[in-house]
Amino acid sequence: MYKVFVGDKPIILTSVVEKETNFKNYLLKTVNMAKVIRRLNRTSLSEVHLIHKNPDKILKKFLKKLPNVIAGGGKVYNEKGEILFIYRNDKWDLPKGKTEKKESIEETSIREVEEETGVKGLKITKPLDTTYHIFKRNGRYKIKITYWFEMKTSYNGKLKAEESEGITKVAWLNGKEIEKALENSYANIKLLL
């Protein structure tokens, strides 16, 4: 099973057909994605299930439904165990961004964290879950596939928000601060934490 978010509402990719309650089932093969997205955005429907008989092929088939944007990001820890957050579009988020030509996803993730926050000396410690969300640019829906990595750094210099990317704050947050930040964050970020 995979979750793809439209805002904070999930599209569940599954091979199991369940009785509809506060969600709607659609067959992946014949679904009109634009209609499903509009329905999630404009109604009280809490989620949608896209059904495909083969759980091993469901993600690949789904990703063919819309153009894909590949991104990389980091859940970065400092020596105090705090996590690096950015504040953009009035929400707390983790630093991430799109890949550039001939760049590995690991290189993308480190570059984007550095650019968005000013933090240096990043070391990837392990891969995390990949997240998926649908967004609209220039009138077209796209799927952003974000590959996440846990990172560590001993950097304790000045944090620098990349204002040209709409980032207004960068902060190291501890346990209590993270709980508060997650009240105003994205469903995908909550999954990673």
N, C-alpha and C. Protein backbone atom coordinates (compact mmCIF):
# COMPACT_ATOMS: atom_id res chain seq x y z
N MET A 1 0.84 -1.19 0.00
CA MET A 1 0.00 0.00 0.00
C MET A 1 0.88 1.25 0.00
N TYR A 2 0.48 2.21 -0.80
CA TYR A 2 1.19 3.49 -0.86
C TYR A 2 0.19 4.60 -0.59
N LYS A 3 0.70 5.72 -0.04
CA LYS A 3 -0.13 6.91 0.15
C LYS A 3 0.45 8.03 -0.69
N VAL A 4 -0.42 8.66 -1.47
CA VAL A 4 -0.05 9.81 -2.28
C VAL A 4 -0.97 10.93 -1.81
N PHE A 5 -0.37 12.07 -1.42
CA PHE A 5 -1.20 13.12 -0.83
C PHE A 5 -1.61 14.19 -1.84
N VAL A 6 -2.86 14.61 -1.69
CA VAL A 6 -3.39 15.80 -2.37
C VAL A 6 -3.72 16.72 -1.21
N GLY A 7 -2.87 17.72 -0.98
CA GLY A 7 -2.98 18.49 0.26
C GLY A 7 -2.69 17.52 1.40
N ASP A 8 -3.60 17.43 2.36
CA ASP A 8 -3.43 16.48 3.47
C ASP A 8 -4.33 15.26 3.33
N LYS A 9 -4.99 15.12 2.17
CA LYS A 9 -5.87 13.97 1.96
C LYS A 9 -5.14 12.91 1.13
N PRO A 10 -5.18 11.65 1.59
CA PRO A 10 -4.44 10.61 0.87
C PRO A 10 -5.23 9.94 -0.25
N ILE A 11 -4.49 9.60 -1.29
CA ILE A 11 -4.94 8.62 -2.28
C ILE A 11 -4.21 7.35 -1.89
N ILE A 12 -4.94 6.31 -1.56
CA ILE A 12 -4.35 5.04 -1.13
C ILE A 12 -4.27 4.13 -2.36
N LEU A 13 -3.07 3.66 -2.67
CA LEU A 13 -2.89 2.70 -3.76
C LEU A 13 -2.91 1.32 -3.13
N THR A 14 -3.86 0.49 -3.53
CA THR A 14 -4.05 -0.79 -2.86
C THR A 14 -4.61 -1.85 -3.81
N SER A 15 -4.45 -3.10 -3.43
CA SER A 15 -5.04 -4.21 -4.19
C SER A 15 -6.27 -4.76 -3.46
N VAL A 16 -6.58 -4.17 -2.31
CA VAL A 16 -7.70 -4.64 -1.48
C VAL A 16 -8.91 -3.72 -1.66
N VAL A 17 -10.03 -4.31 -2.03
CA VAL A 17 -11.27 -3.53 -2.17
C VAL A 17 -11.98 -3.57 -0.82
N GLU A 18 -12.24 -2.38 -0.27
CA GLU A 18 -12.95 -2.29 1.00
C GLU A 18 -14.30 -1.61 0.77
N LYS A 19 -15.24 -1.89 1.68
CA LYS A 19 -16.55 -1.23 1.61
C LYS A 19 -16.35 0.26 1.86
N GLU A 20 -16.93 1.06 0.98
CA GLU A 20 -16.77 2.52 1.08
C GLU A 20 -17.50 3.05 2.30
N THR A 21 -16.81 3.89 3.08
CA THR A 21 -17.45 4.60 4.19
C THR A 21 -17.26 6.09 3.92
N ASN A 22 -16.16 6.66 4.40
CA ASN A 22 -15.90 8.08 4.14
C ASN A 22 -14.87 8.24 3.01
N PHE A 23 -14.74 7.19 2.18
CA PHE A 23 -13.83 7.25 1.05
C PHE A 23 -14.51 6.66 -0.18
N LYS A 24 -13.86 6.80 -1.32
CA LYS A 24 -14.40 6.29 -2.58
C LYS A 24 -13.36 5.39 -3.23
N ASN A 25 -13.80 4.26 -3.80
CA ASN A 25 -12.94 3.35 -4.55
C ASN A 25 -12.99 3.68 -6.04
N TYR A 26 -11.86 3.59 -6.71
CA TYR A 26 -11.79 3.72 -8.17
C TYR A 26 -10.82 2.66 -8.68
N LEU A 27 -11.05 2.19 -9.89
CA LEU A 27 -10.09 1.28 -10.52
C LEU A 27 -8.96 2.12 -11.10
N LEU A 28 -7.73 1.78 -10.76
CA LEU A 28 -6.57 2.54 -11.23
C LEU A 28 -6.52 2.61 -12.76
N LYS A 29 -6.87 1.51 -13.40
CA LYS A 29 -6.76 1.42 -14.87
C LYS A 29 -7.60 2.48 -15.58
N THR A 30 -8.80 2.77 -15.04
CA THR A 30 -9.74 3.65 -15.76
C THR A 30 -9.97 5.00 -15.07
N VAL A 31 -9.25 5.27 -13.98
CA VAL A 31 -9.52 6.48 -13.20
C VAL A 31 -9.17 7.75 -13.96
N ASN A 32 -10.00 8.78 -13.77
CA ASN A 32 -9.71 10.11 -14.29
C ASN A 32 -9.08 10.89 -13.11
N MET A 33 -7.76 11.05 -13.17
CA MET A 33 -7.04 11.65 -12.03
C MET A 33 -7.50 13.08 -11.74
N ALA A 34 -7.73 13.87 -12.77
CA ALA A 34 -8.14 15.27 -12.54
C ALA A 34 -9.46 15.31 -11.76
N LYS A 35 -10.40 14.43 -12.11
CA LYS A 35 -11.69 14.38 -11.40
C LYS A 35 -11.50 13.97 -9.94
N VAL A 36 -10.66 12.96 -9.71
CA VAL A 36 -10.41 12.49 -8.35
C VAL A 36 -9.78 13.61 -7.51
N ILE A 37 -8.80 14.30 -8.07
CA ILE A 37 -8.11 15.38 -7.35
C ILE A 37 -9.10 16.50 -7.02
N ARG A 38 -9.90 16.89 -8.00
CA ARG A 38 -10.91 17.94 -7.75
C ARG A 38 -11.88 17.50 -6.66
N ARG A 39 -12.30 16.23 -6.71
CA ARG A 39 -13.24 15.73 -5.71
C ARG A 39 -12.64 15.77 -4.30
N LEU A 40 -11.37 15.37 -4.18
CA LEU A 40 -10.71 15.45 -2.87
C LEU A 40 -10.60 16.89 -2.38
N ASN A 41 -10.29 17.80 -3.31
CA ASN A 41 -10.11 19.21 -2.94
C ASN A 41 -11.41 19.91 -2.60
N ARG A 42 -12.51 19.52 -3.21
CA ARG A 42 -13.74 20.30 -3.11
C ARG A 42 -14.85 19.66 -2.28
N THR A 43 -14.62 18.45 -1.77
CA THR A 43 -15.68 17.80 -1.00
C THR A 43 -15.15 17.39 0.37
N SER A 44 -16.05 16.82 1.17
CA SER A 44 -15.65 16.37 2.51
C SER A 44 -15.07 14.95 2.48
N LEU A 45 -14.97 14.38 1.31
CA LEU A 45 -14.36 13.05 1.16
C LEU A 45 -12.99 13.05 1.83
N SER A 46 -12.72 12.05 2.68
CA SER A 46 -11.45 12.09 3.42
C SER A 46 -10.30 11.41 2.68
N GLU A 47 -10.61 10.46 1.79
CA GLU A 47 -9.55 9.80 1.02
C GLU A 47 -10.16 9.07 -0.16
N VAL A 48 -9.28 8.62 -1.05
CA VAL A 48 -9.67 7.86 -2.22
C VAL A 48 -8.80 6.61 -2.26
N HIS A 49 -9.37 5.48 -2.65
CA HIS A 49 -8.61 4.25 -2.84
C HIS A 49 -8.56 3.95 -4.34
N LEU A 50 -7.35 3.80 -4.87
CA LEU A 50 -7.18 3.38 -6.26
C LEU A 50 -6.80 1.90 -6.22
N ILE A 51 -7.59 1.09 -6.89
CA ILE A 51 -7.47 -0.36 -6.81
C ILE A 51 -6.77 -0.91 -8.05
N HIS A 52 -5.81 -1.79 -7.83
CA HIS A 52 -5.15 -2.53 -8.91
C HIS A 52 -4.87 -3.94 -8.39
N LYS A 53 -5.08 -4.94 -9.24
CA LYS A 53 -4.97 -6.33 -8.78
C LYS A 53 -3.56 -6.74 -8.37
N ASN A 54 -2.53 -6.09 -8.95
CA ASN A 54 -1.16 -6.51 -8.67
C ASN A 54 -0.45 -5.48 -7.77
N PRO A 55 -0.26 -5.79 -6.49
CA PRO A 55 0.38 -4.83 -5.58
C PRO A 55 1.82 -4.49 -5.97
N ASP A 56 2.49 -5.40 -6.70
CA ASP A 56 3.88 -5.13 -7.11
C ASP A 56 3.98 -4.13 -8.25
N LYS A 57 2.89 -3.95 -8.99
CA LYS A 57 2.92 -3.05 -10.15
C LYS A 57 2.12 -1.76 -9.93
N ILE A 58 1.44 -1.67 -8.80
CA ILE A 58 0.49 -0.57 -8.59
C ILE A 58 1.17 0.81 -8.63
N LEU A 59 2.33 0.94 -7.96
CA LEU A 59 2.99 2.25 -7.93
C LEU A 59 3.45 2.65 -9.32
N LYS A 60 4.08 1.74 -10.02
CA LYS A 60 4.59 2.03 -11.38
C LYS A 60 3.44 2.46 -12.30
N LYS A 61 2.32 1.75 -12.23
CA LYS A 61 1.16 2.09 -13.07
C LYS A 61 0.60 3.46 -12.67
N PHE A 62 0.54 3.73 -11.37
CA PHE A 62 0.02 5.02 -10.91
C PHE A 62 0.89 6.17 -11.39
N LEU A 63 2.22 6.01 -11.28
CA LEU A 63 3.14 7.10 -11.63
C LEU A 63 3.08 7.46 -13.12
N LYS A 64 2.50 6.59 -13.93
CA LYS A 64 2.33 6.89 -15.37
C LYS A 64 1.12 7.79 -15.62
N LYS A 65 0.30 8.00 -14.60
CA LYS A 65 -0.94 8.77 -14.76
C LYS A 65 -0.69 10.28 -14.90
N LEU A 66 0.41 10.77 -14.31
CA LEU A 66 0.72 12.20 -14.32
C LEU A 66 2.22 12.39 -14.49
N PRO A 67 2.65 13.58 -14.98
CA PRO A 67 4.10 13.82 -15.07
C PRO A 67 4.74 13.76 -13.68
N ASN A 68 5.96 13.24 -13.63
CA ASN A 68 6.69 13.08 -12.36
C ASN A 68 7.75 14.16 -12.20
N VAL A 69 7.88 14.66 -10.99
CA VAL A 69 8.95 15.58 -10.61
C VAL A 69 9.74 14.87 -9.52
N ILE A 70 11.05 14.71 -9.74
CA ILE A 70 11.90 13.98 -8.79
C ILE A 70 12.61 14.99 -7.89
N ALA A 71 12.56 14.73 -6.59
CA ALA A 71 13.19 15.64 -5.61
C ALA A 71 13.91 14.82 -4.55
N GLY A 72 14.80 15.49 -3.85
CA GLY A 72 15.51 14.86 -2.73
C GLY A 72 15.51 15.81 -1.55
N GLY A 73 15.52 15.24 -0.35
CA GLY A 73 15.50 16.09 0.84
C GLY A 73 16.13 15.41 2.03
N GLY A 74 16.24 16.18 3.11
CA GLY A 74 16.91 15.67 4.29
C GLY A 74 16.19 15.91 5.59
N LYS A 75 16.25 14.90 6.44
CA LYS A 75 15.86 15.02 7.85
C LYS A 75 17.20 15.09 8.58
N VAL A 76 17.62 16.32 8.90
CA VAL A 76 18.98 16.57 9.36
C VAL A 76 19.02 16.73 10.88
N TYR A 77 19.93 15.99 11.51
CA TYR A 77 20.15 16.07 12.95
C TYR A 77 21.46 16.81 13.24
N ASN A 78 21.44 17.67 14.26
CA ASN A 78 22.69 18.27 14.73
C ASN A 78 23.21 17.46 15.92
N GLU A 79 24.31 17.91 16.52
CA GLU A 79 24.92 17.16 17.62
C GLU A 79 24.06 17.12 18.88
N LYS A 80 23.07 18.04 18.98
CA LYS A 80 22.17 18.04 20.14
C LYS A 80 20.94 17.16 19.90
N GLY A 81 20.86 16.55 18.72
CA GLY A 81 19.70 15.72 18.39
C GLY A 81 18.50 16.51 17.89
N GLU A 82 18.70 17.80 17.62
CA GLU A 82 17.62 18.62 17.07
C GLU A 82 17.51 18.36 15.56
N ILE A 83 16.33 18.64 15.00
CA ILE A 83 16.09 18.43 13.56
C ILE A 83 15.94 19.78 12.87
N LEU A 84 16.51 19.88 11.68
CA LEU A 84 16.50 21.11 10.89
C LEU A 84 15.18 21.26 10.15
N PHE A 85 14.49 22.37 10.37
CA PHE A 85 13.23 22.66 9.70
C PHE A 85 13.33 23.97 8.93
N ILE A 86 12.50 24.08 7.89
CA ILE A 86 12.34 25.36 7.17
C ILE A 86 10.87 25.77 7.30
N TYR A 87 10.62 27.07 7.15
CA TYR A 87 9.26 27.60 7.17
C TYR A 87 9.01 28.25 5.82
N ARG A 88 8.06 27.66 5.06
CA ARG A 88 7.78 28.15 3.71
C ARG A 88 6.28 28.02 3.47
N ASN A 89 5.72 29.00 2.78
CA ASN A 89 4.27 28.99 2.49
C ASN A 89 3.43 28.79 3.75
N ASP A 90 3.85 29.46 4.84
CA ASP A 90 3.13 29.42 6.11
C ASP A 90 3.02 28.02 6.72
N LYS A 91 3.98 27.15 6.40
CA LYS A 91 4.01 25.79 6.97
C LYS A 91 5.44 25.41 7.31
N TRP A 92 5.58 24.57 8.34
CA TRP A 92 6.88 23.98 8.66
C TRP A 92 7.11 22.79 7.75
N ASP A 93 8.33 22.67 7.26
CA ASP A 93 8.67 21.65 6.27
C ASP A 93 10.12 21.23 6.49
N LEU A 94 10.52 20.17 5.82
CA LEU A 94 11.92 19.78 5.80
C LEU A 94 12.52 20.25 4.48
N PRO A 95 13.81 20.58 4.46
CA PRO A 95 14.42 21.06 3.21
C PRO A 95 14.46 19.98 2.14
N LYS A 96 14.10 20.39 0.92
CA LYS A 96 14.08 19.47 -0.22
C LYS A 96 14.03 20.26 -1.51
N GLY A 97 14.31 19.60 -2.62
CA GLY A 97 14.20 20.28 -3.90
C GLY A 97 14.43 19.33 -5.06
N LYS A 98 14.21 19.87 -6.26
CA LYS A 98 14.27 19.07 -7.49
C LYS A 98 15.71 18.73 -7.88
N THR A 99 15.83 17.59 -8.54
CA THR A 99 17.15 17.16 -9.04
C THR A 99 17.56 18.02 -10.23
N GLU A 100 18.86 18.14 -10.40
CA GLU A 100 19.42 18.81 -11.58
C GLU A 100 20.10 17.75 -12.44
N LYS A 101 20.40 18.12 -13.68
CA LYS A 101 20.99 17.17 -14.64
C LYS A 101 22.17 16.40 -14.07
N LYS A 102 22.17 15.11 -14.34
CA LYS A 102 23.29 14.20 -14.03
C LYS A 102 23.68 14.18 -12.55
N GLU A 103 22.75 14.54 -11.70
CA GLU A 103 23.00 14.57 -10.26
C GLU A 103 22.37 13.33 -9.64
N SER A 104 23.08 12.67 -8.74
CA SER A 104 22.45 11.54 -8.03
C SER A 104 21.44 12.11 -7.03
N ILE A 105 20.53 11.27 -6.60
CA ILE A 105 19.51 11.74 -5.66
C ILE A 105 20.14 12.13 -4.32
N GLU A 106 21.22 11.45 -3.95
CA GLU A 106 21.95 11.82 -2.73
C GLU A 106 22.59 13.20 -2.88
N GLU A 107 23.19 13.46 -4.04
CA GLU A 107 23.79 14.79 -4.29
C GLU A 107 22.72 15.88 -4.27
N THR A 108 21.57 15.58 -4.88
CA THR A 108 20.45 16.54 -4.86
C THR A 108 20.06 16.87 -3.43
N SER A 109 19.90 15.84 -2.62
CA SER A 109 19.43 16.03 -1.24
C SER A 109 20.38 16.91 -0.45
N ILE A 110 21.67 16.62 -0.54
CA ILE A 110 22.67 17.43 0.19
C ILE A 110 22.71 18.86 -0.35
N ARG A 111 22.72 19.03 -1.67
CA ARG A 111 22.75 20.36 -2.27
C ARG A 111 21.54 21.18 -1.84
N GLU A 112 20.36 20.59 -1.90
CA GLU A 112 19.14 21.32 -1.56
C GLU A 112 19.12 21.74 -0.09
N VAL A 113 19.54 20.85 0.81
CA VAL A 113 19.59 21.20 2.23
C VAL A 113 20.55 22.37 2.43
N GLU A 114 21.73 22.30 1.81
CA GLU A 114 22.71 23.40 1.93
C GLU A 114 22.15 24.71 1.39
N GLU A 115 21.54 24.66 0.18
CA GLU A 115 21.02 25.88 -0.44
C GLU A 115 19.89 26.50 0.37
N GLU A 116 18.98 25.67 0.87
CA GLU A 116 17.80 26.19 1.54
C GLU A 116 18.06 26.66 2.96
N THR A 117 19.14 26.15 3.59
CA THR A 117 19.34 26.42 5.03
C THR A 117 20.70 27.02 5.39
N GLY A 118 21.69 26.91 4.49
CA GLY A 118 23.04 27.37 4.81
C GLY A 118 23.86 26.36 5.60
N VAL A 119 23.29 25.22 5.94
CA VAL A 119 23.99 24.21 6.75
C VAL A 119 25.00 23.45 5.89
N LYS A 120 26.21 23.28 6.42
CA LYS A 120 27.30 22.59 5.70
C LYS A 120 27.68 21.32 6.47
N GLY A 121 28.60 20.57 5.86
CA GLY A 121 29.14 19.38 6.52
C GLY A 121 28.13 18.26 6.70
N LEU A 122 27.23 18.11 5.74
CA LEU A 122 26.17 17.11 5.83
C LEU A 122 26.68 15.73 5.45
N LYS A 123 26.29 14.74 6.23
CA LYS A 123 26.63 13.34 5.95
C LYS A 123 25.34 12.53 5.98
N ILE A 124 25.08 11.79 4.90
CA ILE A 124 23.91 10.92 4.86
C ILE A 124 24.18 9.69 5.73
N THR A 125 23.25 9.39 6.63
CA THR A 125 23.41 8.22 7.50
C THR A 125 22.54 7.05 7.05
N LYS A 126 21.36 7.35 6.45
CA LYS A 126 20.54 6.26 5.90
C LYS A 126 19.40 6.84 5.06
N PRO A 127 18.88 6.02 4.12
CA PRO A 127 17.70 6.46 3.37
C PRO A 127 16.45 6.33 4.25
N LEU A 128 15.49 7.20 4.00
CA LEU A 128 14.19 7.16 4.68
C LEU A 128 13.11 6.82 3.65
N ASP A 129 11.87 6.81 4.08
CA ASP A 129 10.77 6.52 3.14
C ASP A 129 10.71 7.57 2.04
N THR A 130 10.25 7.15 0.88
CA THR A 130 9.99 8.05 -0.23
C THR A 130 8.56 8.55 -0.06
N THR A 131 8.33 9.84 -0.32
CA THR A 131 6.97 10.38 -0.21
C THR A 131 6.47 10.83 -1.58
N TYR A 132 5.16 10.89 -1.70
CA TYR A 132 4.51 11.24 -2.96
C TYR A 132 3.42 12.26 -2.67
N HIS A 133 3.40 13.32 -3.47
CA HIS A 133 2.25 14.22 -3.37
C HIS A 133 1.97 14.86 -4.73
N ILE A 134 0.71 15.22 -4.90
CA ILE A 134 0.25 15.81 -6.17
C ILE A 134 0.11 17.30 -5.96
N PHE A 135 0.62 18.05 -6.93
CA PHE A 135 0.52 19.50 -6.89
C PHE A 135 0.16 20.01 -8.28
N LYS A 136 -0.20 21.27 -8.37
CA LYS A 136 -0.59 21.86 -9.65
C LYS A 136 0.35 23.01 -9.98
N ARG A 137 0.93 22.98 -11.16
CA ARG A 137 1.78 24.07 -11.68
C ARG A 137 1.34 24.40 -13.10
N ASN A 138 1.17 25.67 -13.35
CA ASN A 138 0.79 26.13 -14.68
C ASN A 138 -0.42 25.37 -15.23
N GLY A 139 -1.40 25.14 -14.35
CA GLY A 139 -2.64 24.49 -14.76
C GLY A 139 -2.57 22.98 -14.93
N ARG A 140 -1.41 22.36 -14.63
CA ARG A 140 -1.27 20.90 -14.80
C ARG A 140 -0.92 20.23 -13.48
N TYR A 141 -1.56 19.09 -13.25
CA TYR A 141 -1.24 18.30 -12.06
C TYR A 141 0.03 17.49 -12.32
N LYS A 142 0.85 17.37 -11.28
CA LYS A 142 2.08 16.58 -11.35
C LYS A 142 2.25 15.82 -10.04
N ILE A 143 3.04 14.75 -10.10
CA ILE A 143 3.35 13.98 -8.89
C ILE A 143 4.79 14.29 -8.51
N LYS A 144 4.97 14.78 -7.28
CA LYS A 144 6.34 14.97 -6.77
C LYS A 144 6.72 13.73 -5.98
N ILE A 145 7.82 13.13 -6.42
CA ILE A 145 8.38 11.95 -5.75
C ILE A 145 9.61 12.45 -5.01
N THR A 146 9.57 12.42 -3.68
CA THR A 146 10.69 12.93 -2.88
C THR A 146 11.39 11.78 -2.17
N TYR A 147 12.68 11.65 -2.48
CA TYR A 147 13.54 10.67 -1.82
C TYR A 147 14.18 11.36 -0.63
N TRP A 148 13.96 10.81 0.56
CA TRP A 148 14.43 11.42 1.80
C TRP A 148 15.60 10.65 2.38
N PHE A 149 16.49 11.40 3.01
CA PHE A 149 17.65 10.79 3.67
C PHE A 149 17.81 11.39 5.06
N GLU A 150 18.15 10.51 6.02
CA GLU A 150 18.55 11.01 7.33
C GLU A 150 19.99 11.49 7.18
N MET A 151 20.27 12.66 7.76
CA MET A 151 21.61 13.25 7.68
C MET A 151 22.03 13.71 9.06
N LYS A 152 23.34 13.82 9.22
CA LYS A 152 23.91 14.37 10.45
C LYS A 152 24.89 15.47 10.07
N THR A 153 25.07 16.43 10.97
CA THR A 153 26.06 17.48 10.77
C THR A 153 26.52 18.00 12.13
N SER A 154 27.76 18.48 12.14
CA SER A 154 28.26 19.13 13.37
C SER A 154 28.27 20.65 13.17
N TYR A 155 27.67 21.11 12.07
CA TYR A 155 27.61 22.55 11.75
C TYR A 155 26.89 23.30 12.87
N ASN A 156 27.50 24.38 13.35
CA ASN A 156 26.79 25.21 14.33
C ASN A 156 26.91 26.68 13.97
N GLY A 157 27.07 26.93 12.67
CA GLY A 157 27.15 28.31 12.18
C GLY A 157 25.76 28.91 11.99
N LYS A 158 25.75 30.03 11.30
CA LYS A 158 24.50 30.79 11.06
C LYS A 158 23.62 30.05 10.06
N LEU A 159 22.33 29.98 10.37
CA LEU A 159 21.36 29.42 9.43
C LEU A 159 20.92 30.52 8.48
N LYS A 160 20.76 30.18 7.20
CA LYS A 160 20.43 31.19 6.19
C LYS A 160 19.28 30.69 5.32
N ALA A 161 18.10 31.30 5.48
CA ALA A 161 16.92 30.93 4.70
C ALA A 161 17.08 31.37 3.25
N GLU A 162 16.79 30.47 2.33
CA GLU A 162 16.86 30.81 0.89
C GLU A 162 15.56 31.53 0.52
N GLU A 163 15.60 32.86 0.67
CA GLU A 163 14.39 33.67 0.48
C GLU A 163 13.85 33.59 -0.93
N SER A 164 14.73 33.40 -1.93
CA SER A 164 14.28 33.31 -3.32
C SER A 164 13.39 32.08 -3.54
N GLU A 165 13.45 31.12 -2.63
CA GLU A 165 12.59 29.92 -2.69
C GLU A 165 11.38 30.06 -1.77
N GLY A 166 11.16 31.26 -1.23
CA GLY A 166 10.00 31.49 -0.37
C GLY A 166 10.18 31.03 1.07
N ILE A 167 11.42 30.71 1.44
CA ILE A 167 11.69 30.26 2.81
C ILE A 167 11.90 31.49 3.68
N THR A 168 11.13 31.59 4.77
CA THR A 168 11.23 32.77 5.62
C THR A 168 11.97 32.50 6.93
N LYS A 169 12.05 31.20 7.32
CA LYS A 169 12.75 30.84 8.57
C LYS A 169 13.45 29.50 8.40
N VAL A 170 14.57 29.35 9.10
CA VAL A 170 15.25 28.06 9.23
C VAL A 170 15.53 27.90 10.72
N ALA A 171 15.27 26.71 11.26
CA ALA A 171 15.47 26.53 12.70
C ALA A 171 15.79 25.08 13.04
N TRP A 172 16.62 24.93 14.07
CA TRP A 172 16.83 23.61 14.68
C TRP A 172 15.74 23.47 15.74
N LEU A 173 14.94 22.41 15.66
CA LEU A 173 13.84 22.22 16.61
C LEU A 173 14.08 20.97 17.45
N ASN A 174 13.71 21.07 18.73
CA ASN A 174 13.82 19.91 19.63
C ASN A 174 12.46 19.21 19.71
N GLY A 175 12.36 18.19 20.54
CA GLY A 175 11.14 17.37 20.63
C GLY A 175 9.85 18.14 20.78
N LYS A 176 9.77 19.02 21.79
CA LYS A 176 8.55 19.80 22.04
C LYS A 176 8.26 20.75 20.87
N GLU A 177 9.31 21.39 20.37
CA GLU A 177 9.14 22.34 19.25
C GLU A 177 8.69 21.61 17.98
N ILE A 178 9.19 20.39 17.79
CA ILE A 178 8.79 19.60 16.62
C ILE A 178 7.30 19.26 16.71
N GLU A 179 6.85 18.84 17.89
CA GLU A 179 5.42 18.55 18.09
C GLU A 179 4.56 19.73 17.69
N LYS A 180 4.96 20.91 18.13
CA LYS A 180 4.21 22.14 17.81
C LYS A 180 4.27 22.43 16.31
N ALA A 181 5.47 22.30 15.71
CA ALA A 181 5.63 22.56 14.27
C ALA A 181 4.77 21.62 13.43
N LEU A 182 4.65 20.36 13.87
CA LEU A 182 3.88 19.38 13.10
C LEU A 182 2.39 19.68 13.09
N GLU A 183 1.93 20.52 14.01
CA GLU A 183 0.53 20.96 13.98
C GLU A 183 0.27 21.84 12.76
N ASN A 184 1.35 22.41 12.20
CA ASN A 184 1.25 23.28 11.02
C ASN A 184 2.28 22.82 9.99
N SER A 185 2.10 21.57 9.54
CA SER A 185 3.03 21.00 8.57
C SER A 185 2.23 20.17 7.56
N TYR A 186 2.92 19.37 6.78
CA TYR A 186 2.29 18.55 5.75
C TYR A 186 2.20 17.10 6.18
N ALA A 187 1.20 16.39 5.65
CA ALA A 187 1.00 14.98 6.00
C ALA A 187 2.26 14.15 5.70
N ASN A 188 2.91 14.43 4.57
CA ASN A 188 4.14 13.68 4.22
C ASN A 188 5.24 13.87 5.27
N ILE A 189 5.37 15.07 5.79
CA ILE A 189 6.41 15.36 6.79
C ILE A 189 6.07 14.63 8.09
N LYS A 190 4.80 14.61 8.44
CA LYS A 190 4.38 13.90 9.65
C LYS A 190 4.74 12.40 9.55
N LEU A 191 4.62 11.84 8.34
CA LEU A 191 4.98 10.43 8.13
C LEU A 191 6.47 10.20 8.40
N LEU A 192 7.30 11.16 8.02
CA LEU A 192 8.75 11.00 8.18
C LEU A 192 9.19 11.15 9.62
N LEU A 193 8.39 11.82 10.43
CA LEU A 193 8.76 12.06 11.83
C LEU A 193 7.94 11.17 12.73
